[in-house]
Amino acid sequence: MSTSNTVFVGIHGSVVALDKTTGTELWLTHLKGSDFVNVAVSDDNILATTKGALFCLDRATGQIRWQNPLKGLGFGLSTIAIPGVQSDQAAVVQKKKRDQQAEAAGAAASA
């Protein structure tokens, strides 16, 4: 299966591969939890972080090749950097801002 015409989306604890032309779902892999998922493409791998863990998925099938729980590092937002690959971290920054605003609103409501 060629993945050059594929869009990879991290959402709600999962990664989904969609056909870029039709939007048809090609595969869906549930990872962990139901939180934000950061996704990066590296060669024939999809790297995804969620709930404090890093997953490596097969780009063509979505099968989990390996995972690392990143023990002792917490469960906050994480970013992925791959040498030679430019990444857009705007979504991570926006999510962090929304979380901070929600926390501040909750604290204000409790006061």
Protein backbone atom coordinates (compact mmCIF):
# COMPACT_ATOMS: atom_id res chain seq x y z
CA MET A 1 0.00 0.00 0.00
CA SER A 2 1.38 3.40 -0.96
CA THR A 3 1.21 5.94 1.84
CA SER A 4 2.16 9.00 -0.21
CA ASN A 5 -1.54 9.79 -0.61
CA THR A 6 -2.30 9.35 3.09
CA VAL A 7 -3.10 11.81 5.87
CA PHE A 8 -2.37 10.75 9.45
CA VAL A 9 -4.48 12.24 12.25
CA GLY A 10 -3.90 11.94 15.99
CA ILE A 11 -7.17 12.27 17.89
CA HIS A 12 -8.72 11.12 21.16
CA GLY A 13 -6.00 8.57 22.04
CA SER A 14 -5.85 7.13 18.52
CA VAL A 15 -4.17 7.54 15.15
CA VAL A 16 -6.22 7.26 11.99
CA ALA A 17 -4.94 7.05 8.40
CA LEU A 18 -7.14 8.63 5.74
CA ASP A 19 -6.94 8.64 1.97
CA LYS A 20 -5.94 12.21 1.11
CA THR A 21 -8.15 12.31 -2.00
CA THR A 22 -11.37 10.68 -0.75
CA GLY A 23 -11.15 10.93 3.03
CA THR A 24 -11.75 7.19 3.31
CA GLU A 25 -10.42 5.62 6.51
CA LEU A 26 -7.56 3.24 5.74
CA TRP A 27 -6.77 2.14 9.28
CA LEU A 28 -7.41 3.16 12.88
CA THR A 29 -5.16 2.30 15.81
CA HIS A 30 -6.22 2.92 19.40
CA LEU A 31 -3.22 3.78 21.56
CA LYS A 32 -3.86 4.86 25.12
CA GLY A 33 -6.38 7.03 26.92
CA SER A 34 -8.53 9.63 25.23
CA ASP A 35 -6.21 12.62 25.17
CA PHE A 36 -4.34 14.69 22.59
CA VAL A 37 -2.11 12.67 20.24
CA ASN A 38 0.95 14.21 18.61
CA VAL A 39 1.94 12.50 15.33
CA ALA A 40 5.08 12.59 13.17
CA VAL A 41 6.01 10.66 10.05
CA SER A 42 9.49 9.15 9.75
CA ASP A 43 10.26 6.93 6.78
CA ASP A 44 7.90 3.93 7.06
CA ASN A 45 6.98 4.71 10.67
CA ILE A 46 4.39 6.87 12.36
CA LEU A 47 5.55 8.12 15.76
CA ALA A 48 2.78 9.13 18.14
CA THR A 49 2.78 10.39 21.71
CA THR A 50 -0.15 10.36 24.10
CA LYS A 51 -0.65 10.01 27.86
CA GLY A 52 3.09 10.05 28.54
CA ALA A 53 4.00 7.25 26.12
CA LEU A 54 5.65 7.04 22.70
CA PHE A 55 4.37 4.61 20.07
CA CYS A 56 5.89 3.55 16.76
CA LEU A 57 3.32 2.41 14.20
CA ASP A 58 3.74 0.77 10.83
CA ARG A 59 2.92 3.52 8.32
CA ALA A 60 1.07 1.18 5.94
CA THR A 61 -1.01 -0.82 8.45
CA GLY A 62 -1.12 1.10 11.73
CA GLN A 63 0.17 -1.95 13.61
CA ILE A 64 2.08 -0.99 16.76
CA ARG A 65 5.73 -1.91 16.20
CA TRP A 66 6.92 -0.83 19.64
CA GLN A 67 6.08 1.45 22.51
CA ASN A 68 7.98 3.20 25.28
CA PRO A 69 6.09 4.28 28.42
CA LEU A 70 8.64 7.08 29.07
CA LYS A 71 8.53 6.10 32.75
CA GLY A 72 8.92 8.87 35.27
CA LEU A 73 8.38 11.69 32.77
CA GLY A 74 4.72 12.41 33.47
CA PHE A 75 1.64 12.72 31.31
CA GLY A 76 1.83 16.26 29.91
CA LEU A 77 1.90 17.28 26.28
CA SER A 78 4.91 16.06 24.37
CA THR A 79 6.50 16.94 21.06
CA ILE A 80 8.41 14.82 18.57
CA ALA A 81 11.55 15.97 16.75
CA ILE A 82 13.08 13.96 13.92
CA PRO A 83 16.36 15.04 12.29
CA GLY A 84 15.69 16.37 8.80
CA VAL A 85 11.92 16.64 9.32
CA GLN A 86 10.28 19.98 9.99
CA SER A 87 7.36 19.79 12.38
CA ASP A 88 4.55 22.18 13.18
CA GLN A 89 3.97 22.35 16.92
CA ALA A 90 1.16 24.93 16.77
CA ALA A 91 -1.45 22.34 17.77
CA VAL A 92 0.53 21.42 20.89
CA VAL A 93 0.87 25.07 21.88
CA GLN A 94 -2.85 25.69 21.33
CA LYS A 95 -3.81 22.62 23.39
CA LYS A 96 -1.57 23.71 26.25
CA LYS A 97 -3.10 27.20 26.17
CA ARG A 98 -6.66 25.77 26.25
CA ASP A 99 -5.74 23.50 29.17
CA GLN A 100 -4.26 26.44 31.10
CA GLN A 101 -7.35 28.57 30.43
CA ALA A 102 -9.65 25.77 31.59
CA GLU A 103 -7.56 25.30 34.74
CA ALA A 104 -7.65 29.04 35.46
CA ALA A 105 -11.42 29.15 34.90
CA GLY A 106 -11.89 26.20 37.25
CA ALA A 107 -9.77 27.85 39.92
CA ALA A 108 -11.70 31.12 39.57
CA ALA A 109 -15.01 29.28 39.85
CA SER A 110 -13.83 27.53 43.02
CA ALA A 111 -12.70 30.78 44.66
